[in-house]
Amino acid sequence: MDKSTIVCRCEEINIDEIESAIKMGAHTFDDIKRITRCGMGPCQAKVCTNLMQRIINELTNKPLSDIGPSKMRMPLRITRIGALAGGKESSSVISVFNESAPKEGEANND
């Protein structure tokens, strides 16, 4: 494949950028993700996982069975845009979570 071939469509990461990350010492999907943002777009690595695993396999000679997918991180709670936009004096992380969507069984007093 050509080095300009796009691997991650969401973040527009090409093979050359992934090869550079591997040369810098990245050997797992998550290492490459931290350096390049590959897999951090809207699809959350659903499109680029297989190609990334194949590239890692080819460049590091690591067996495909040893190359796991990227770790998925879910949001802690649904967060309302109004809580993130501010509008109130406190902008600490705790206040954002306190103004987020209520937990199951809690009443919403908005």
PDB file of N, CA and C in Angstrom:
ATOM      1  N   MET A   1       0.839  -1.192   0.000  1.00  0.00           N
ATOM      2  CA  MET A   1       0.000   0.000   0.000  1.00  0.00           C
ATOM      3  C   MET A   1       0.877   1.246   0.000  1.00  0.00           C
ATOM      4  N   ASP A   2       0.355   2.269  -0.578  1.00  0.00           N
ATOM      5  CA  ASP A   2       1.037   3.554  -0.617  1.00  0.00           C
ATOM      6  C   ASP A   2       1.045   4.176   0.778  1.00  0.00           C
ATOM      7  N   LYS A   3       2.094   4.876   1.157  1.00  0.00           N
ATOM      8  CA  LYS A   3       2.213   5.466   2.493  1.00  0.00           C
ATOM      9  C   LYS A   3       1.176   6.555   2.760  1.00  0.00           C
ATOM     10  N   SER A   4       0.579   7.080   1.694  1.00  0.00           N
ATOM     11  CA  SER A   4      -0.432   8.126   1.878  1.00  0.00           C
ATOM     12  C   SER A   4      -1.841   7.547   2.020  1.00  0.00           C
ATOM     13  N   THR A   5      -1.962   6.215   1.989  1.00  0.00           N
ATOM     14  CA  THR A   5      -3.271   5.573   2.139  1.00  0.00           C
ATOM     15  C   THR A   5      -3.841   5.882   3.517  1.00  0.00           C
ATOM     16  N   ILE A   6      -5.070   6.365   3.541  1.00  0.00           N
ATOM     17  CA  ILE A   6      -5.735   6.709   4.797  1.00  0.00           C
ATOM     18  C   ILE A   6      -6.163   5.431   5.515  1.00  0.00           C
ATOM     19  N   VAL A   7      -5.786   5.317   6.785  1.00  0.00           N
ATOM     20  CA  VAL A   7      -6.165   4.181   7.621  1.00  0.00           C
ATOM     21  C   VAL A   7      -7.384   4.562   8.447  1.00  0.00           C
ATOM     22  N   CYS A   8      -7.313   5.703   9.106  1.00  0.00           N
ATOM     23  CA  CYS A   8      -8.407   6.192   9.947  1.00  0.00           C
ATOM     24  C   CYS A   8      -9.078   7.353   9.208  1.00  0.00           C
ATOM     25  N   ARG A   9     -10.250   7.091   8.686  1.00  0.00           N
ATOM     26  CA  ARG A   9     -10.965   8.119   7.922  1.00  0.00           C
ATOM     27  C   ARG A   9     -11.427   9.273   8.805  1.00  0.00           C
ATOM     28  N   CYS A  10     -11.819   8.955  10.016  1.00  0.00           N
ATOM     29  CA  CYS A  10     -12.346   9.987  10.914  1.00  0.00           C
ATOM     30  C   CYS A  10     -11.283  11.045  11.256  1.00  0.00           C
ATOM     31  N   GLU A  11     -10.073  10.588  11.536  1.00  0.00           N
ATOM     32  CA  GLU A  11      -9.001  11.491  11.950  1.00  0.00           C
ATOM     33  C   GLU A  11      -7.996  11.751  10.826  1.00  0.00           C
ATOM     34  N   GLU A  12      -8.244  11.170   9.643  1.00  0.00           N
ATOM     35  CA  GLU A  12      -7.395  11.336   8.462  1.00  0.00           C
ATOM     36  C   GLU A  12      -5.932  10.967   8.752  1.00  0.00           C
ATOM     37  N   ILE A  13      -5.734   9.785   9.329  1.00  0.00           N
ATOM     38  CA  ILE A  13      -4.396   9.298   9.646  1.00  0.00           C
ATOM     39  C   ILE A  13      -3.983   8.323   8.553  1.00  0.00           C
ATOM     40  N   ASN A  14      -2.787   8.532   7.986  1.00  0.00           N
ATOM     41  CA  ASN A  14      -2.334   7.652   6.914  1.00  0.00           C
ATOM     42  C   ASN A  14      -1.295   6.654   7.415  1.00  0.00           C
ATOM     43  N   ILE A  15      -0.911   5.728   6.533  1.00  0.00           N
ATOM     44  CA  ILE A  15       0.031   4.669   6.893  1.00  0.00           C
ATOM     45  C   ILE A  15       1.367   5.245   7.334  1.00  0.00           C
ATOM     46  N   ASP A  16       1.824   6.293   6.683  1.00  0.00           N
ATOM     47  CA  ASP A  16       3.105   6.896   7.036  1.00  0.00           C
ATOM     48  C   ASP A  16       3.126   7.386   8.488  1.00  0.00           C
ATOM     49  N   GLU A  17       2.030   7.979   8.945  1.00  0.00           N
ATOM     50  CA  GLU A  17       1.953   8.458  10.329  1.00  0.00           C
ATOM     51  C   GLU A  17       1.989   7.294  11.321  1.00  0.00           C
ATOM     52  N   ILE A  18       1.352   6.196  10.945  1.00  0.00           N
ATOM     53  CA  ILE A  18       1.354   5.015  11.822  1.00  0.00           C
ATOM     54  C   ILE A  18       2.745   4.399  11.862  1.00  0.00           C
ATOM     55  N   GLU A  19       3.397   4.316  10.703  1.00  0.00           N
ATOM     56  CA  GLU A  19       4.763   3.789  10.664  1.00  0.00           C
ATOM     57  C   GLU A  19       5.703   4.653  11.508  1.00  0.00           C
ATOM     58  N   SER A  20       5.529   5.953  11.448  1.00  0.00           N
ATOM     59  CA  SER A  20       6.355   6.863  12.262  1.00  0.00           C
ATOM     60  C   SER A  20       6.138   6.615  13.748  1.00  0.00           C
ATOM     61  N   ALA A  21       4.891   6.400  14.142  1.00  0.00           N
ATOM     62  CA  ALA A  21       4.586   6.128  15.554  1.00  0.00           C
ATOM     63  C   ALA A  21       5.240   4.817  16.006  1.00  0.00           C
ATOM     64  N   ILE A  22       5.217   3.809  15.148  1.00  0.00           N
ATOM     65  CA  ILE A  22       5.838   2.528  15.485  1.00  0.00           C
ATOM     66  C   ILE A  22       7.350   2.694  15.612  1.00  0.00           C
ATOM     67  N   LYS A  23       7.955   3.487  14.735  1.00  0.00           N
ATOM     68  CA  LYS A  23       9.403   3.751  14.820  1.00  0.00           C
ATOM     69  C   LYS A  23       9.757   4.500  16.102  1.00  0.00           C
ATOM     70  N   MET A  24       8.790   5.270  16.633  1.00  0.00           N
ATOM     71  CA  MET A  24       9.007   6.005  17.894  1.00  0.00           C
ATOM     72  C   MET A  24       8.852   5.095  19.105  1.00  0.00           C
ATOM     73  N   GLY A  25       8.423   3.840  18.898  1.00  0.00           N
ATOM     74  CA  GLY A  25       8.301   2.902  20.003  1.00  0.00           C
ATOM     75  C   GLY A  25       6.897   2.419  20.309  1.00  0.00           C
ATOM     76  N   ALA A  26       5.917   2.863  19.559  1.00  0.00           N
ATOM     77  CA  ALA A  26       4.539   2.417  19.772  1.00  0.00           C
ATOM     78  C   ALA A  26       4.371   1.028  19.165  1.00  0.00           C
ATOM     79  N   HIS A  27       3.882   0.068  19.957  1.00  0.00           N
ATOM     80  CA  HIS A  27       3.737  -1.294  19.439  1.00  0.00           C
ATOM     81  C   HIS A  27       2.348  -1.874  19.658  1.00  0.00           C
ATOM     82  N   THR A  28       1.455  -1.126  20.261  1.00  0.00           N
ATOM     83  CA  THR A  28       0.085  -1.583  20.443  1.00  0.00           C
ATOM     84  C   THR A  28      -0.855  -0.566  19.818  1.00  0.00           C
ATOM     85  N   PHE A  29      -2.088  -0.986  19.603  1.00  0.00           N
ATOM     86  CA  PHE A  29      -3.085  -0.076  19.048  1.00  0.00           C
ATOM     87  C   PHE A  29      -3.210   1.161  19.940  1.00  0.00           C
ATOM     88  N   ASP A  30      -3.260   0.953  21.249  1.00  0.00           N
ATOM     89  CA  ASP A  30      -3.421   2.082  22.163  1.00  0.00           C
ATOM     90  C   ASP A  30      -2.223   3.023  22.151  1.00  0.00           C
ATOM     91  N   ASP A  31      -1.013   2.493  21.993  1.00  0.00           N
ATOM     92  CA  ASP A  31       0.175   3.352  21.880  1.00  0.00           C
ATOM     93  C   ASP A  31       0.056   4.246  20.661  1.00  0.00           C
ATOM     94  N   ILE A  32      -0.306   3.642  19.540  1.00  0.00           N
ATOM     95  CA  ILE A  32      -0.437   4.395  18.287  1.00  0.00           C
ATOM     96  C   ILE A  32      -1.578   5.403  18.397  1.00  0.00           C
ATOM     97  N   LYS A  33      -2.650   5.006  19.057  1.00  0.00           N
ATOM     98  CA  LYS A  33      -3.806   5.882  19.264  1.00  0.00           C
ATOM     99  C   LYS A  33      -3.398   7.142  20.044  1.00  0.00           C
ATOM    100  N   ARG A  34      -2.593   6.964  21.079  1.00  0.00           N
ATOM    101  CA  ARG A  34      -2.153   8.111  21.888  1.00  0.00           C
ATOM    102  C   ARG A  34      -1.300   9.085  21.082  1.00  0.00           C
ATOM    103  N   ILE A  35      -0.491   8.568  20.188  1.00  0.00           N
ATOM    104  CA  ILE A  35       0.415   9.419  19.412  1.00  0.00           C
ATOM    105  C   ILE A  35      -0.279  10.066  18.225  1.00  0.00           C
ATOM    106  N   THR A  36      -1.132   9.309  17.525  1.00  0.00           N
ATOM    107  CA  THR A  36      -1.690   9.791  16.259  1.00  0.00           C
ATOM    108  C   THR A  36      -3.161  10.186  16.290  1.00  0.00           C
ATOM    109  N   ARG A  37      -3.911   9.776  17.294  1.00  0.00           N
ATOM    110  CA  ARG A  37      -5.363   9.939  17.385  1.00  0.00           C
ATOM    111  C   ARG A  37      -6.102   8.951  16.496  1.00  0.00           C
ATOM    112  N   CYS A  38      -5.416   7.992  15.898  1.00  0.00           N
ATOM    113  CA  CYS A  38      -6.057   6.969  15.079  1.00  0.00           C
ATOM    114  C   CYS A  38      -7.022   6.170  15.959  1.00  0.00           C
ATOM    115  N   GLY A  39      -8.270   6.098  15.557  1.00  0.00           N
ATOM    116  CA  GLY A  39      -9.271   5.380  16.329  1.00  0.00           C
ATOM    117  C   GLY A  39     -10.022   6.236  17.326  1.00  0.00           C
ATOM    118  N   MET A  40      -9.775   7.540  17.335  1.00  0.00           N
ATOM    119  CA  MET A  40     -10.432   8.421  18.301  1.00  0.00           C
ATOM    120  C   MET A  40     -11.550   9.263  17.686  1.00  0.00           C
ATOM    121  N   GLY A  41     -11.880   8.994  16.449  1.00  0.00           N
ATOM    122  CA  GLY A  41     -12.919   9.759  15.771  1.00  0.00           C
ATOM    123  C   GLY A  41     -14.312   9.274  16.125  1.00  0.00           C
ATOM    124  N   PRO A  42     -15.302   9.764  15.407  1.00  0.00           N
ATOM    125  CA  PRO A  42     -16.696   9.417  15.694  1.00  0.00           C
ATOM    126  C   PRO A  42     -17.005   7.919  15.641  1.00  0.00           C
ATOM    127  N   CYS A  43     -16.293   7.147  14.810  1.00  0.00           N
ATOM    128  CA  CYS A  43     -16.605   5.712  14.714  1.00  0.00           C
ATOM    129  C   CYS A  43     -15.931   4.909  15.823  1.00  0.00           C
ATOM    130  N   GLN A  44     -15.045   5.543  16.595  1.00  0.00           N
ATOM    131  CA  GLN A  44     -14.360   4.890  17.715  1.00  0.00           C
ATOM    132  C   GLN A  44     -13.657   3.599  17.293  1.00  0.00           C
ATOM    133  N   ALA A  45     -12.900   3.655  16.184  1.00  0.00           N
ATOM    134  CA  ALA A  45     -12.054   2.579  15.671  1.00  0.00           C
ATOM    135  C   ALA A  45     -12.814   1.418  15.052  1.00  0.00           C
ATOM    136  N   LYS A  46     -14.090   1.596  14.772  1.00  0.00           N
ATOM    137  CA  LYS A  46     -14.849   0.508  14.147  1.00  0.00           C
ATOM    138  C   LYS A  46     -14.393   0.269  12.709  1.00  0.00           C
ATOM    139  N   VAL A  47     -13.907   1.299  12.038  1.00  0.00           N
ATOM    140  CA  VAL A  47     -13.489   1.175  10.638  1.00  0.00           C
ATOM    141  C   VAL A  47     -12.006   0.811  10.517  1.00  0.00           C
ATOM    142  N   CYS A  48     -11.144   1.352  11.356  1.00  0.00           N
ATOM    143  CA  CYS A  48      -9.703   1.206  11.168  1.00  0.00           C
ATOM    144  C   CYS A  48      -9.046   0.078  11.959  1.00  0.00           C
ATOM    145  N   THR A  49      -9.757  -0.587  12.837  1.00  0.00           N
ATOM    146  CA  THR A  49      -9.149  -1.603  13.699  1.00  0.00           C
ATOM    147  C   THR A  49      -8.425  -2.694  12.921  1.00  0.00           C
ATOM    148  N   ASN A  50      -9.098  -3.316  11.960  1.00  0.00           N
ATOM    149  CA  ASN A  50      -8.479  -4.432  11.234  1.00  0.00           C
ATOM    150  C   ASN A  50      -7.236  -3.999  10.471  1.00  0.00           C
ATOM    151  N   LEU A  51      -7.297  -2.863   9.807  1.00  0.00           N
ATOM    152  CA  LEU A  51      -6.151  -2.376   9.055  1.00  0.00           C
ATOM    153  C   LEU A  51      -4.999  -2.017   9.995  1.00  0.00           C
ATOM    154  N   MET A  52      -5.318  -1.397  11.113  1.00  0.00           N
ATOM    155  CA  MET A  52      -4.276  -1.066  12.100  1.00  0.00           C
ATOM    156  C   MET A  52      -3.597  -2.332  12.602  1.00  0.00           C
ATOM    157  N   GLN A  53      -4.372  -3.359  12.919  1.00  0.00           N
ATOM    158  CA  GLN A  53      -3.794  -4.608  13.407  1.00  0.00           C
ATOM    159  C   GLN A  53      -2.881  -5.227  12.352  1.00  0.00           C
ATOM    160  N   ARG A  54      -3.291  -5.158  11.106  1.00  0.00           N
ATOM    161  CA  ARG A  54      -2.474  -5.709  10.019  1.00  0.00           C
ATOM    162  C   ARG A  54      -1.162  -4.934   9.859  1.00  0.00           C
ATOM    163  N   ILE A  55      -1.223  -3.616   9.966  1.00  0.00           N
ATOM    164  CA  ILE A  55      -0.010  -2.798   9.846  1.00  0.00           C
ATOM    165  C   ILE A  55       0.940  -3.088  11.004  1.00  0.00           C
ATOM    166  N   ILE A  56       0.405  -3.175  12.213  1.00  0.00           N
ATOM    167  CA  ILE A  56       1.237  -3.499  13.380  1.00  0.00           C
ATOM    168  C   ILE A  56       1.885  -4.866  13.179  1.00  0.00           C
ATOM    169  N   ASN A  57       1.127  -5.826  12.690  1.00  0.00           N
ATOM    170  CA  ASN A  57       1.643  -7.173  12.421  1.00  0.00           C
ATOM    171  C   ASN A  57       2.797  -7.129  11.425  1.00  0.00           C
ATOM    172  N   GLU A  58       2.626  -6.402  10.335  1.00  0.00           N
ATOM    173  CA  GLU A  58       3.649  -6.340   9.290  1.00  0.00           C
ATOM    174  C   GLU A  58       4.922  -5.637   9.756  1.00  0.00           C
ATOM    175  N   LEU A  59       4.785  -4.587  10.551  1.00  0.00           N
ATOM    176  CA  LEU A  59       5.956  -3.801  10.934  1.00  0.00           C
ATOM    177  C   LEU A  59       6.668  -4.303  12.188  1.00  0.00           C
ATOM    178  N   THR A  60       5.955  -5.050  13.029  1.00  0.00           N
ATOM    179  CA  THR A  60       6.578  -5.517  14.272  1.00  0.00           C
ATOM    180  C   THR A  60       6.738  -7.040  14.316  1.00  0.00           C
ATOM    181  N   ASN A  61       6.193  -7.744  13.317  1.00  0.00           N
ATOM    182  CA  ASN A  61       6.206  -9.222  13.278  1.00  0.00           C
ATOM    183  C   ASN A  61       5.509  -9.839  14.481  1.00  0.00           C
ATOM    184  N   LYS A  62       4.637  -9.076  15.104  1.00  0.00           N
ATOM    185  CA  LYS A  62       3.825  -9.576  16.215  1.00  0.00           C
ATOM    186  C   LYS A  62       2.653 -10.345  15.618  1.00  0.00           C
ATOM    187  N   PRO A  63       2.335 -11.557  16.127  1.00  0.00           N
ATOM    188  CA  PRO A  63       1.199 -12.313  15.580  1.00  0.00           C
ATOM    189  C   PRO A  63      -0.118 -11.547  15.739  1.00  0.00           C
ATOM    190  N   LEU A  64      -0.983 -11.683  14.730  1.00  0.00           N
ATOM    191  CA  LEU A  64      -2.283 -10.998  14.787  1.00  0.00           C
ATOM    192  C   LEU A  64      -3.067 -11.371  16.033  1.00  0.00           C
ATOM    193  N   SER A  65      -2.923 -12.606  16.485  1.00  0.00           N
ATOM    194  CA  SER A  65      -3.658 -13.045  17.680  1.00  0.00           C
ATOM    195  C   SER A  65      -3.209 -12.303  18.940  1.00  0.00           C
ATOM    196  N   ASP A  66      -1.997 -11.729  18.909  1.00  0.00           N
ATOM    197  CA  ASP A  66      -1.481 -10.984  20.068  1.00  0.00           C
ATOM    198  C   ASP A  66      -1.795  -9.492  20.002  1.00  0.00           C
ATOM    199  N   ILE A  67      -2.359  -9.048  18.890  1.00  0.00           N
ATOM    200  CA  ILE A  67      -2.651  -7.617  18.720  1.00  0.00           C
ATOM    201  C   ILE A  67      -4.132  -7.405  19.005  1.00  0.00           C
ATOM    202  N   GLY A  68      -4.423  -6.880  20.159  1.00  0.00           N
ATOM    203  CA  GLY A  68      -5.806  -6.658  20.554  1.00  0.00           C
ATOM    204  C   GLY A  68      -6.348  -5.358  19.997  1.00  0.00           C
ATOM    205  N   PRO A  69      -7.653  -5.196  20.064  1.00  0.00           N
ATOM    206  CA  PRO A  69      -8.255  -3.929  19.638  1.00  0.00           C
ATOM    207  C   PRO A  69      -7.969  -2.829  20.644  1.00  0.00           C
ATOM    208  N   SER A  70      -8.312  -1.630  20.282  1.00  0.00           N
ATOM    209  CA  SER A  70      -8.153  -0.490  21.170  1.00  0.00           C
ATOM    210  C   SER A  70      -9.088  -0.612  22.362  1.00  0.00           C
ATOM    211  N   LYS A  71      -8.675  -0.087  23.497  1.00  0.00           N
ATOM    212  CA  LYS A  71      -9.549  -0.074  24.675  1.00  0.00           C
ATOM    213  C   LYS A  71     -10.650   0.957  24.459  1.00  0.00           C
ATOM    214  N   MET A  72     -11.848   0.580  24.782  1.00  0.00           N
ATOM    215  CA  MET A  72     -12.991   1.482  24.652  1.00  0.00           C
ATOM    216  C   MET A  72     -13.253   2.143  25.996  1.00  0.00           C
ATOM    217  N   ARG A  73     -13.503   3.421  25.978  1.00  0.00           N
ATOM    218  CA  ARG A  73     -13.803   4.153  27.205  1.00  0.00           C
ATOM    219  C   ARG A  73     -15.166   4.799  27.059  1.00  0.00           C
ATOM    220  N   MET A  74     -16.054   4.435  27.916  1.00  0.00           N
ATOM    221  CA  MET A  74     -17.414   4.964  27.885  1.00  0.00           C
ATOM    222  C   MET A  74     -17.524   6.208  28.757  1.00  0.00           C
ATOM    223  N   PRO A  75     -18.454   7.090  28.446  1.00  0.00           N
ATOM    224  CA  PRO A  75     -18.682   8.229  29.328  1.00  0.00           C
ATOM    225  C   PRO A  75     -19.181   7.752  30.694  1.00  0.00           C
ATOM    226  N   LEU A  76     -18.820   8.489  31.739  1.00  0.00           N
ATOM    227  CA  LEU A  76     -19.274   8.131  33.079  1.00  0.00           C
ATOM    228  C   LEU A  76     -20.779   8.307  33.219  1.00  0.00           C
ATOM    229  N   ARG A  77     -21.285   9.415  32.707  1.00  0.00           N
ATOM    230  CA  ARG A  77     -22.713   9.739  32.737  1.00  0.00           C
ATOM    231  C   ARG A  77     -23.036  10.566  31.513  1.00  0.00           C
ATOM    232  N   ILE A  78     -24.275  10.563  31.136  1.00  0.00           N
ATOM    233  CA  ILE A  78     -24.706  11.453  30.065  1.00  0.00           C
ATOM    234  C   ILE A  78     -24.553  12.878  30.580  1.00  0.00           C
ATOM    235  N   THR A  79     -23.887  13.714  29.814  1.00  0.00           N
ATOM    236  CA  THR A  79     -23.644  15.089  30.233  1.00  0.00           C
ATOM    237  C   THR A  79     -24.377  16.037  29.300  1.00  0.00           C
ATOM    238  N   ARG A  80     -25.163  16.911  29.872  1.00  0.00           N
ATOM    239  CA  ARG A  80     -25.927  17.872  29.076  1.00  0.00           C
ATOM    240  C   ARG A  80     -25.008  18.986  28.583  1.00  0.00           C
ATOM    241  N   ILE A  81     -25.283  19.473  27.386  1.00  0.00           N
ATOM    242  CA  ILE A  81     -24.481  20.528  26.783  1.00  0.00           C
ATOM    243  C   ILE A  81     -24.474  21.770  27.667  1.00  0.00           C
ATOM    244  N   GLY A  82     -25.598  22.096  28.277  1.00  0.00           N
ATOM    245  CA  GLY A  82     -25.672  23.269  29.150  1.00  0.00           C
ATOM    246  C   GLY A  82     -24.684  23.191  30.301  1.00  0.00           C
ATOM    247  N   ALA A  83     -24.457  21.999  30.822  1.00  0.00           N
ATOM    248  CA  ALA A  83     -23.504  21.835  31.918  1.00  0.00           C
ATOM    249  C   ALA A  83     -22.079  22.073  31.427  1.00  0.00           C
ATOM    250  N   LEU A  84     -21.796  21.683  30.187  1.00  0.00           N
ATOM    251  CA  LEU A  84     -20.450  21.882  29.644  1.00  0.00           C
ATOM    252  C   LEU A  84     -20.227  23.325  29.193  1.00  0.00           C
ATOM    253  N   ALA A  85     -21.300  23.985  28.749  1.00  0.00           N
ATOM    254  CA  ALA A  85     -21.181  25.347  28.230  1.00  0.00           C
ATOM    255  C   ALA A  85     -20.949  26.377  29.325  1.00  0.00           C
ATOM    256  N   GLY A  86     -21.229  26.014  30.538  1.00  0.00           N
ATOM    257  CA  GLY A  86     -21.004  26.953  31.643  1.00  0.00           C
ATOM    258  C   GLY A  86     -22.287  27.647  32.022  1.00  0.00           C
ATOM    259  N   GLY A  87     -22.218  28.968  32.085  1.00  0.00           N
ATOM    260  CA  GLY A  87     -23.394  29.728  32.473  1.00  0.00           C
ATOM    261  C   GLY A  87     -23.492  29.895  33.980  1.00  0.00           C
ATOM    262  N   LYS A  88     -22.761  29.117  34.730  1.00  0.00           N
ATOM    263  CA  LYS A  88     -22.726  29.227  36.179  1.00  0.00           C
ATOM    264  C   LYS A  88     -21.281  29.493  36.581  1.00  0.00           C
ATOM    265  N   GLU A  89     -21.112  29.986  37.796  1.00  0.00           N
ATOM    266  CA  GLU A  89     -19.771  30.359  38.244  1.00  0.00           C
ATOM    267  C   GLU A  89     -18.797  29.192  38.300  1.00  0.00           C
ATOM    268  N   SER A  90     -19.207  28.079  38.841  1.00  0.00           N
ATOM    269  CA  SER A  90     -18.306  26.946  39.019  1.00  0.00           C
ATOM    270  C   SER A  90     -18.131  26.195  37.713  1.00  0.00           C
ATOM    271  N   SER A  91     -16.893  25.934  37.346  1.00  0.00           N
ATOM    272  CA  SER A  91     -16.633  25.156  36.140  1.00  0.00           C
ATOM    273  C   SER A  91     -15.787  23.938  36.465  1.00  0.00           C
ATOM    274  N   SER A  92     -15.823  23.513  37.720  1.00  0.00           N
ATOM    275  CA  SER A  92     -15.047  22.336  38.097  1.00  0.00           C
ATOM    276  C   SER A  92     -15.681  21.080  37.512  1.00  0.00           C
ATOM    277  N   VAL A  93     -14.902  20.034  37.414  1.00  0.00           N
ATOM    278  CA  VAL A  93     -15.398  18.777  36.878  1.00  0.00           C
ATOM    279  C   VAL A  93     -16.560  18.266  37.720  1.00  0.00           C
ATOM    280  N   ILE A  94     -16.464  18.397  39.024  1.00  0.00           N
ATOM    281  CA  ILE A  94     -17.531  17.919  39.909  1.00  0.00           C
ATOM    282  C   ILE A  94     -18.834  18.638  39.605  1.00  0.00           C
ATOM    283  N   SER A  95     -18.790  19.952  39.400  1.00  0.00           N
ATOM    284  CA  SER A  95     -20.031  20.679  39.135  1.00  0.00           C
ATOM    285  C   SER A  95     -20.638  20.272  37.799  1.00  0.00           C
ATOM    286  N   VAL A  96     -19.804  19.950  36.814  1.00  0.00           N
ATOM    287  CA  VAL A  96     -20.316  19.499  35.520  1.00  0.00           C
ATOM    288  C   VAL A  96     -21.052  18.181  35.697  1.00  0.00           C
ATOM    289  N   PHE A  97     -20.478  17.254  36.482  1.00  0.00           N
ATOM    290  CA  PHE A  97     -21.145  15.971  36.695  1.00  0.00           C
ATOM    291  C   PHE A  97     -22.397  16.125  37.542  1.00  0.00           C
ATOM    292  N   ASN A  98     -22.390  17.059  38.475  1.00  0.00           N
ATOM    293  CA  ASN A  98     -23.581  17.274  39.300  1.00  0.00           C
ATOM    294  C   ASN A  98     -24.743  17.814  38.473  1.00  0.00           C
ATOM    295  N   GLU A  99     -24.436  18.558  37.405  1.00  0.00           N
ATOM    296  CA  GLU A  99     -25.476  19.117  36.551  1.00  0.00           C
ATOM    297  C   GLU A  99     -25.807  18.213  35.375  1.00  0.00           C
ATOM    298  N   SER A 100     -25.195  17.058  35.308  1.00  0.00           N
ATOM    299  CA  SER A 100     -25.444  16.107  34.220  1.00  0.00           C
ATOM    300  C   SER A 100     -26.801  15.465  34.384  1.00  0.00           C
ATOM    301  N   ALA A 101     -27.102  14.596  33.466  1.00  0.00           N
ATOM    302  CA  ALA A 101     -28.375  13.874  33.529  1.00  0.00           C
ATOM    303  C   ALA A 101     -28.452  13.088  34.829  1.00  0.00           C
ATOM    304  N   PRO A 102     -29.626  13.015  35.420  1.00  0.00           N
ATOM    305  CA  PRO A 102     -29.752  12.306  36.694  1.00  0.00           C
ATOM    306  C   PRO A 102     -29.490  10.814  36.532  1.00  0.00           C
ATOM    307  N   LYS A 103     -29.009  10.219  37.621  1.00  0.00           N
ATOM    308  CA  LYS A 103     -28.814   8.760  37.617  1.00  0.00           C
ATOM    309  C   LYS A 103     -30.174   8.093  37.620  1.00  0.00           C
ATOM    310  N   GLU A 104     -30.189   6.824  37.277  1.00  0.00           N
ATOM    311  CA  GLU A 104     -31.432   6.078  37.242  1.00  0.00           C
ATOM    312  C   GLU A 104     -32.101   6.133  38.620  1.00  0.00           C
ATOM    313  N   GLY A 105     -33.353   6.483  38.651  1.00  0.00           N
ATOM    314  CA  GLY A 105     -34.094   6.554  39.902  1.00  0.00           C
ATOM    315  C   GLY A 105     -34.102   7.945  40.535  1.00  0.00           C
ATOM    316  N   GLU A 106     -33.246   8.860  40.039  1.00  0.00           N
ATOM    317  CA  GLU A 106     -33.213  10.233  40.577  1.00  0.00           C
ATOM    318  C   GLU A 106     -34.210  11.083  39.821  1.00  0.00           C
ATOM    319  N   ALA A 107     -34.725  12.086  40.469  1.00  0.00           N
ATOM    320  CA  ALA A 107     -35.653  13.015  39.818  1.00  0.00           C
ATOM    321  C   ALA A 107     -34.851  14.145  39.208  1.00  0.00           C
ATOM    322  N   ASN A 108     -35.318  14.662  38.092  1.00  0.00           N
ATOM    323  CA  ASN A 108     -34.675  15.791  37.424  1.00  0.00           C
ATOM    324  C   ASN A 108     -35.488  17.033  37.760  1.00  0.00           C
ATOM    325  N   ASN A 109     -34.900  17.977  38.511  1.00  0.00           N
ATOM    326  CA  ASN A 109     -35.611  19.167  38.951  1.00  0.00           C
ATOM    327  C   ASN A 109     -35.260  20.398  38.137  1.00  0.00           C
ATOM    328  N   ASP A 110     -35.113  20.242  36.824  1.00  0.00           N
ATOM    329  CA  ASP A 110     -34.775  21.400  35.960  1.00  0.00           C
ATOM    330  C   ASP A 110     -35.975  22.257  35.696  1.00  0.00           C
TER     331      ASP A 110
END
